[in-house]
Amino acid sequence: MSKTFAHEPDASRYTLTVDGNLVALADYRINGSSISFNHTYTQPNQRGKGFAGEVVEFAMDDVEATTERRVVPMCWYVSDWFDAHPARGGLLIR
């Protein structure tokens, strides 16, 4: 299984492809110094395999490494991800 993570700024999203097929994504919108993650999606036949969590983790790592922005978790999945990863709470807007 070959996984590829990507940031697609022109589409305002982070993606995960497996063996060349898009399996999960996290959409966002930038508003000044914040980045709002408003939608996370996994292909129905790929759900339950942890792909959404992987793409969200990749997105948070990228936001932290490449920007000074703070995250607004508008999507329930991203909000739940932060609940499960309290050590990453420094990325959240205060």
C-alpha atoms as a PDB file:
ATOM      1  CA  MET A   1       0.000   0.000   0.000  1.00  0.00           C
ATOM      2  CA  SER A   2       1.447   3.328  -1.111  1.00  0.00           C
ATOM      3  CA  LYS A   3       0.193   6.414   0.774  1.00  0.00           C
ATOM      4  CA  THR A   4       0.762   9.943  -0.482  1.00  0.00           C
ATOM      5  CA  PHE A   5      -0.133  13.047   1.498  1.00  0.00           C
ATOM      6  CA  ALA A   6      -0.437  16.417  -0.212  1.00  0.00           C
ATOM      7  CA  HIS A   7      -1.321  20.011   0.496  1.00  0.00           C
ATOM      8  CA  GLU A   8      -3.305  21.485  -2.405  1.00  0.00           C
ATOM      9  CA  PRO A   9      -3.458  25.222  -1.600  1.00  0.00           C
ATOM     10  CA  ASP A  10      -5.264  26.089  -4.842  1.00  0.00           C
ATOM     11  CA  ALA A  11      -8.094  23.771  -3.760  1.00  0.00           C
ATOM     12  CA  SER A  12      -7.787  24.731  -0.050  1.00  0.00           C
ATOM     13  CA  ARG A  13      -7.405  21.147   1.064  1.00  0.00           C
ATOM     14  CA  TYR A  14      -5.106  18.425   2.314  1.00  0.00           C
ATOM     15  CA  THR A  15      -5.403  14.995   0.720  1.00  0.00           C
ATOM     16  CA  LEU A  16      -4.415  11.387   1.230  1.00  0.00           C
ATOM     17  CA  THR A  17      -4.185   9.046  -1.715  1.00  0.00           C
ATOM     18  CA  VAL A  18      -3.638   5.312  -1.432  1.00  0.00           C
ATOM     19  CA  ASP A  19      -2.246   3.507  -4.441  1.00  0.00           C
ATOM     20  CA  GLY A  20      -3.117   6.564  -6.541  1.00  0.00           C
ATOM     21  CA  ASN A  21      -6.743   6.813  -5.369  1.00  0.00           C
ATOM     22  CA  LEU A  22      -8.027   9.724  -3.300  1.00  0.00           C
ATOM     23  CA  VAL A  23      -9.301   8.252  -0.033  1.00  0.00           C
ATOM     24  CA  ALA A  24      -9.521  11.182   2.411  1.00  0.00           C
ATOM     25  CA  LEU A  25      -9.363  14.958   2.514  1.00  0.00           C
ATOM     26  CA  ALA A  26      -9.600  17.909   4.874  1.00  0.00           C
ATOM     27  CA  ASP A  27     -10.921  21.191   3.466  1.00  0.00           C
ATOM     28  CA  TYR A  28     -10.039  24.550   4.977  1.00  0.00           C
ATOM     29  CA  ARG A  29     -10.499  28.294   4.629  1.00  0.00           C
ATOM     30  CA  ILE A  30      -7.978  30.933   5.635  1.00  0.00           C
ATOM     31  CA  ASN A  31      -9.174  34.001   7.490  1.00  0.00           C
ATOM     32  CA  GLY A  32      -6.287  36.290   8.412  1.00  0.00           C
ATOM     33  CA  SER A  33      -4.233  34.604  11.112  1.00  0.00           C
ATOM     34  CA  SER A  34      -6.544  31.608  11.424  1.00  0.00           C
ATOM     35  CA  ILE A  35      -7.265  28.541   9.343  1.00  0.00           C
ATOM     36  CA  SER A  36     -10.722  26.976   9.652  1.00  0.00           C
ATOM     37  CA  PHE A  37     -11.030  23.284   8.894  1.00  0.00           C
ATOM     38  CA  ASN A  38     -14.627  23.015   7.761  1.00  0.00           C
ATOM     39  CA  HIS A  39     -14.955  19.574   6.182  1.00  0.00           C
ATOM     40  CA  THR A  40     -13.276  16.185   6.433  1.00  0.00           C
ATOM     41  CA  TYR A  41     -14.245  13.378   4.093  1.00  0.00           C
ATOM     42  CA  THR A  42     -13.280   9.739   3.575  1.00  0.00           C
ATOM     43  CA  GLN A  43     -14.499   7.654   0.649  1.00  0.00           C
ATOM     44  CA  PRO A  44     -17.292   5.412   2.010  1.00  0.00           C
ATOM     45  CA  ASN A  45     -15.525   2.175   1.078  1.00  0.00           C
ATOM     46  CA  GLN A  46     -12.382   3.378   2.912  1.00  0.00           C
ATOM     47  CA  ARG A  47     -13.995   4.419   6.216  1.00  0.00           C
ATOM     48  CA  GLY A  48     -12.932   2.843   9.473  1.00  0.00           C
ATOM     49  CA  LYS A  49      -9.283   2.493   8.433  1.00  0.00           C
ATOM     50  CA  GLY A  50      -7.956   5.635  10.128  1.00  0.00           C
ATOM     51  CA  PHE A  51      -7.408   7.614   6.934  1.00  0.00           C
ATOM     52  CA  ALA A  52      -9.272  10.725   8.107  1.00  0.00           C
ATOM     53  CA  GLY A  53      -7.130  10.863  11.234  1.00  0.00           C
ATOM     54  CA  GLU A  54      -3.984  10.512   9.159  1.00  0.00           C
ATOM     55  CA  VAL A  55      -4.880  13.354   6.796  1.00  0.00           C
ATOM     56  CA  VAL A  56      -5.873  15.608   9.704  1.00  0.00           C
ATOM     57  CA  GLU A  57      -2.584  14.851  11.479  1.00  0.00           C
ATOM     58  CA  PHE A  58      -0.672  15.640   8.284  1.00  0.00           C
ATOM     59  CA  ALA A  59      -2.598  18.911   7.944  1.00  0.00           C
ATOM     60  CA  MET A  60      -1.906  19.943  11.544  1.00  0.00           C
ATOM     61  CA  ASP A  61       1.785  19.080  11.175  1.00  0.00           C
ATOM     62  CA  ASP A  62       1.935  21.210   8.025  1.00  0.00           C
ATOM     63  CA  VAL A  63       0.093  24.161   9.562  1.00  0.00           C
ATOM     64  CA  GLU A  64       2.416  24.064  12.558  1.00  0.00           C
ATOM     65  CA  ALA A  65       5.601  23.716  10.489  1.00  0.00           C
ATOM     66  CA  THR A  66       4.866  26.232   7.741  1.00  0.00           C
ATOM     67  CA  THR A  67       2.631  28.961   9.198  1.00  0.00           C
ATOM     68  CA  GLU A  68       1.897  31.015  12.282  1.00  0.00           C
ATOM     69  CA  ARG A  69      -1.846  30.434  11.856  1.00  0.00           C
ATOM     70  CA  ARG A  70      -4.078  29.034  14.542  1.00  0.00           C
ATOM     71  CA  VAL A  71      -6.718  26.411  13.839  1.00  0.00           C
ATOM     72  CA  VAL A  72     -10.481  26.811  14.123  1.00  0.00           C
ATOM     73  CA  PRO A  73     -12.013  23.292  14.083  1.00  0.00           C
ATOM     74  CA  MET A  74     -15.329  23.971  12.334  1.00  0.00           C
ATOM     75  CA  CYS A  75     -15.695  20.312  11.310  1.00  0.00           C
ATOM     76  CA  TRP A  76     -16.821  17.876  14.022  1.00  0.00           C
ATOM     77  CA  TYR A  77     -14.122  15.394  13.025  1.00  0.00           C
ATOM     78  CA  VAL A  78     -11.301  17.913  13.437  1.00  0.00           C
ATOM     79  CA  SER A  79     -12.766  18.983  16.776  1.00  0.00           C
ATOM     80  CA  ASP A  80     -12.876  15.352  17.932  1.00  0.00           C
ATOM     81  CA  TRP A  81      -9.304  14.863  16.673  1.00  0.00           C
ATOM     82  CA  PHE A  82      -8.110  17.683  18.927  1.00  0.00           C
ATOM     83  CA  ASP A  83     -10.036  16.162  21.852  1.00  0.00           C
ATOM     84  CA  ALA A  84      -8.139  12.909  21.233  1.00  0.00           C
ATOM     85  CA  HIS A  85      -4.787  14.753  20.868  1.00  0.00           C
ATOM     86  CA  PRO A  86      -4.767  17.330  23.690  1.00  0.00           C
ATOM     87  CA  ALA A  87      -1.012  17.848  23.319  1.00  0.00           C
ATOM     88  CA  ARG A  88      -1.741  19.530  19.965  1.00  0.00           C
ATOM     89  CA  GLY A  89      -4.083  22.074  21.582  1.00  0.00           C
ATOM     90  CA  GLY A  90      -1.496  24.834  21.166  1.00  0.00           C
ATOM     91  CA  LEU A  91      -2.551  25.009  17.525  1.00  0.00           C
ATOM     92  CA  LEU A  92      -6.088  26.036  18.432  1.00  0.00           C
ATOM     93  CA  ILE A  93      -7.191  29.657  18.341  1.00  0.00           C
ATOM     94  CA  ARG A  94      -7.613  31.030  21.857  1.00  0.00           C
END
